[in-house]
Amino acid sequence: MDTSFRSIRPAPGEYLEYYGTYIERVPDGDILESMKQNLAETLPLLRGIPESKFDYRYAPGKWTVKDIVGHLADTERVFQYRAWRFSRGDETPVPGFDENLYVANAPFANVSMRDLIGEFENLRRASMHLFENLDAAAMQRRGKANNAEISVRALAFILVGHVIHHNGVLKERYL
């Protein structure tokens, strides 16, 4: 199967402008390979965080390291779900999600870092399976999320760019 379509970056009309900051971070090339590389870089980073930093906040009101890892899993789950629905041709609009509300109401403080990392890893592997089996037509399909049209391809790139963003935040402000 020709997979060259996985290297086509989403055009600005395929996503909200806000997501451009994530998409711009993704290296050129096959998005599935970027997902694999992204996971290969992220797991050692997360597993290398000392326990003394798990509940650290770099400023009042900011998320803890555990909150960030939980947020990565939440976002992977939500965006993967959107990609799955839209790739199947489901045009039913889906709502946005308030990441601050999700983190505020999540049990991350009571979950082990190992379990949080494992959940993110499992979700990313599920995302890779999903995108690996999509053809060019499915990647181009669009749906409406958070009152805006978005393509399946854009969702794949956003997932990678989102993790790159948070890896940078962890390195710069937490470690």
Protein backbone atom coordinates (compact mmCIF):
# COMPACT_ATOMS: atom_id res chain seq x y z
CA MET A 1 0.00 0.00 0.00
CA ASP A 2 1.25 3.46 -0.89
CA THR A 3 1.69 5.38 2.35
CA SER A 4 3.14 8.59 0.92
CA PHE A 5 -0.11 10.36 1.88
CA ARG A 6 1.02 10.11 5.53
CA SER A 7 3.77 12.63 4.77
CA ILE A 8 1.39 15.32 3.53
CA ARG A 9 1.14 18.08 6.11
CA PRO A 10 -2.34 19.45 6.82
CA ALA A 11 -3.17 22.75 5.14
CA PRO A 12 -4.29 25.69 7.30
CA GLY A 13 -7.94 25.16 6.27
CA GLU A 14 -7.93 21.70 7.87
CA TYR A 15 -7.74 22.90 11.48
CA LEU A 16 -8.25 25.88 13.78
CA GLU A 17 -5.40 28.37 13.64
CA TYR A 18 -4.69 27.67 17.33
CA TYR A 19 -3.48 24.16 16.45
CA GLY A 20 -0.91 25.51 14.01
CA THR A 21 1.55 25.91 16.88
CA TYR A 22 1.44 22.14 17.44
CA ILE A 23 1.48 21.17 13.77
CA GLU A 24 4.51 23.40 13.11
CA ARG A 25 6.53 21.41 15.68
CA VAL A 26 6.10 18.11 13.82
CA PRO A 27 9.10 17.17 11.67
CA ASP A 28 8.59 16.51 7.97
CA GLY A 29 7.98 12.92 6.99
CA ASP A 30 5.56 10.08 7.62
CA ILE A 31 3.27 11.01 10.53
CA LEU A 32 3.16 7.41 11.74
CA GLU A 33 6.97 7.39 11.99
CA SER A 34 6.75 10.73 13.82
CA MET A 35 4.30 9.17 16.29
CA LYS A 36 6.67 6.27 16.90
CA GLN A 37 9.67 8.56 17.34
CA ASN A 38 7.66 10.87 19.56
CA LEU A 39 6.78 7.98 21.86
CA ALA A 40 10.37 6.69 21.83
CA GLU A 41 11.58 10.13 22.99
CA THR A 42 8.78 10.77 25.47
CA LEU A 43 8.85 7.55 27.48
CA PRO A 44 12.47 7.89 28.66
CA LEU A 45 11.85 11.56 29.49
CA LEU A 46 8.81 10.73 31.62
CA ARG A 47 10.38 7.67 33.22
CA GLY A 48 13.47 9.69 34.08
CA ILE A 49 11.61 12.29 36.13
CA PRO A 50 12.62 11.94 39.78
CA GLU A 51 9.86 11.14 42.24
CA SER A 52 10.59 14.39 44.06
CA LYS A 53 9.26 16.26 41.01
CA PHE A 54 5.98 14.37 40.50
CA ASP A 55 3.92 16.92 42.46
CA TYR A 56 6.06 19.94 41.56
CA ARG A 57 4.47 23.10 40.14
CA TYR A 58 6.76 25.74 38.70
CA ALA A 59 4.29 28.47 39.72
CA PRO A 60 1.07 28.70 41.75
CA GLY A 61 -1.93 27.48 39.80
CA LYS A 62 0.18 25.56 37.26
CA TRP A 63 -0.19 21.85 36.71
CA THR A 64 2.01 19.30 38.44
CA VAL A 65 4.18 16.89 36.47
CA LYS A 66 1.58 14.18 37.13
CA ASP A 67 -1.13 16.53 35.86
CA ILE A 68 0.80 17.02 32.62
CA VAL A 69 1.22 13.30 32.06
CA GLY A 70 -2.47 12.75 32.78
CA HIS A 71 -3.32 15.58 30.41
CA LEU A 72 -1.24 13.93 27.68
CA ALA A 73 -3.33 10.78 28.11
CA ASP A 74 -6.61 12.73 28.18
CA THR A 75 -5.72 14.60 25.01
CA GLU A 76 -4.55 11.45 23.22
CA ARG A 77 -7.86 9.80 24.10
CA VAL A 78 -10.05 12.73 22.98
CA PHE A 79 -8.21 13.45 19.72
CA GLN A 80 -7.88 9.76 18.87
CA TYR A 81 -11.64 9.39 19.35
CA ARG A 82 -12.28 12.33 17.06
CA ALA A 83 -9.95 10.89 14.40
CA TRP A 84 -11.62 7.48 14.64
CA ARG A 85 -15.12 8.91 14.24
CA PHE A 86 -14.27 11.27 11.41
CA SER A 87 -12.18 8.64 9.59
CA ARG A 88 -15.27 6.42 9.54
CA GLY A 89 -17.32 9.18 7.93
CA ASP A 90 -19.25 10.12 11.06
CA GLU A 91 -20.14 13.77 10.58
CA THR A 92 -21.87 14.19 13.93
CA PRO A 93 -20.25 17.23 15.58
CA VAL A 94 -18.35 16.53 18.77
CA PRO A 95 -17.91 19.05 21.58
CA GLY A 96 -14.66 20.59 22.66
CA PHE A 97 -13.08 19.66 25.94
CA ASP A 98 -11.84 21.93 28.69
CA GLU A 99 -8.43 20.55 29.60
CA ASN A 100 -8.33 22.58 32.81
CA LEU A 101 -11.65 21.13 33.95
CA TYR A 102 -10.48 17.62 33.09
CA VAL A 103 -7.26 18.03 35.06
CA ALA A 104 -9.04 19.65 38.01
CA ASN A 105 -11.43 16.69 38.24
CA ALA A 106 -8.96 13.90 37.52
CA PRO A 107 -7.44 11.64 40.16
CA PHE A 108 -3.88 12.15 38.88
CA ALA A 109 -2.47 12.99 42.33
CA ASN A 110 -3.61 9.57 43.56
CA VAL A 111 -2.36 7.58 40.56
CA SER A 112 1.20 6.33 40.35
CA MET A 113 3.45 7.97 37.81
CA ARG A 114 4.10 4.51 36.38
CA ASP A 115 0.37 4.03 35.74
CA LEU A 116 -0.02 7.50 34.22
CA ILE A 117 2.89 6.85 31.86
CA GLY A 118 1.53 3.41 31.03
CA GLU A 119 -1.88 4.84 30.20
CA PHE A 120 -0.34 7.42 27.88
CA GLU A 121 1.84 4.77 26.24
CA ASN A 122 -1.12 2.45 25.64
CA LEU A 123 -3.20 5.27 24.20
CA ARG A 124 -0.38 6.36 21.88
CA ARG A 125 0.10 2.78 20.69
CA ALA A 126 -3.65 2.61 20.00
CA SER A 127 -3.37 5.87 18.05
CA MET A 128 -0.54 4.41 16.00
CA HIS A 129 -2.65 1.34 15.20
CA LEU A 130 -5.55 3.55 14.17
CA PHE A 131 -3.51 5.77 11.85
CA GLU A 132 -1.48 2.87 10.47
CA ASN A 133 -4.62 1.32 9.04
CA LEU A 134 -6.17 4.44 7.53
CA ASP A 135 -5.94 5.07 3.81
CA ALA A 136 -5.54 8.42 2.05
CA ALA A 137 -9.30 8.99 1.80
CA ALA A 138 -9.81 8.40 5.53
CA MET A 139 -6.96 10.77 6.43
CA GLN A 140 -8.58 13.52 4.37
CA ARG A 141 -12.03 13.15 5.89
CA ARG A 142 -13.22 15.94 8.12
CA GLY A 143 -15.57 16.41 10.97
CA LYS A 144 -16.62 19.16 13.29
CA ALA A 145 -15.08 19.35 16.76
CA ASN A 146 -15.38 22.29 19.10
CA ASN A 147 -17.52 24.06 16.47
CA ALA A 148 -14.76 23.95 13.87
CA GLU A 149 -13.95 21.68 10.96
CA ILE A 150 -10.85 19.52 11.33
CA SER A 151 -9.32 16.75 9.22
CA VAL A 152 -8.21 13.35 10.42
CA ARG A 153 -4.73 14.18 9.08
CA ALA A 154 -4.61 17.35 11.18
CA LEU A 155 -5.59 15.38 14.28
CA ALA A 156 -2.65 13.02 13.75
CA PHE A 157 -0.22 15.93 13.46
CA ILE A 158 -1.75 17.71 16.46
CA LEU A 159 -1.27 14.61 18.62
CA VAL A 160 2.45 14.56 17.87
CA GLY A 161 2.93 18.32 18.14
CA HIS A 162 1.03 18.46 21.42
CA VAL A 163 3.39 15.96 23.03
CA ILE A 164 6.42 17.77 21.62
CA HIS A 165 5.08 20.97 23.18
CA HIS A 166 4.61 19.43 26.62
CA ASN A 167 7.97 17.65 26.50
CA GLY A 168 9.52 21.08 26.00
CA VAL A 169 7.54 22.53 28.90
CA LEU A 170 8.64 19.67 31.15
CA LYS A 171 12.31 20.16 30.22
CA GLU A 172 12.27 23.95 30.50
CA ARG A 173 10.05 24.59 33.52
CA TYR A 174 9.96 21.41 35.58
CA LEU A 175 13.33 19.73 35.17
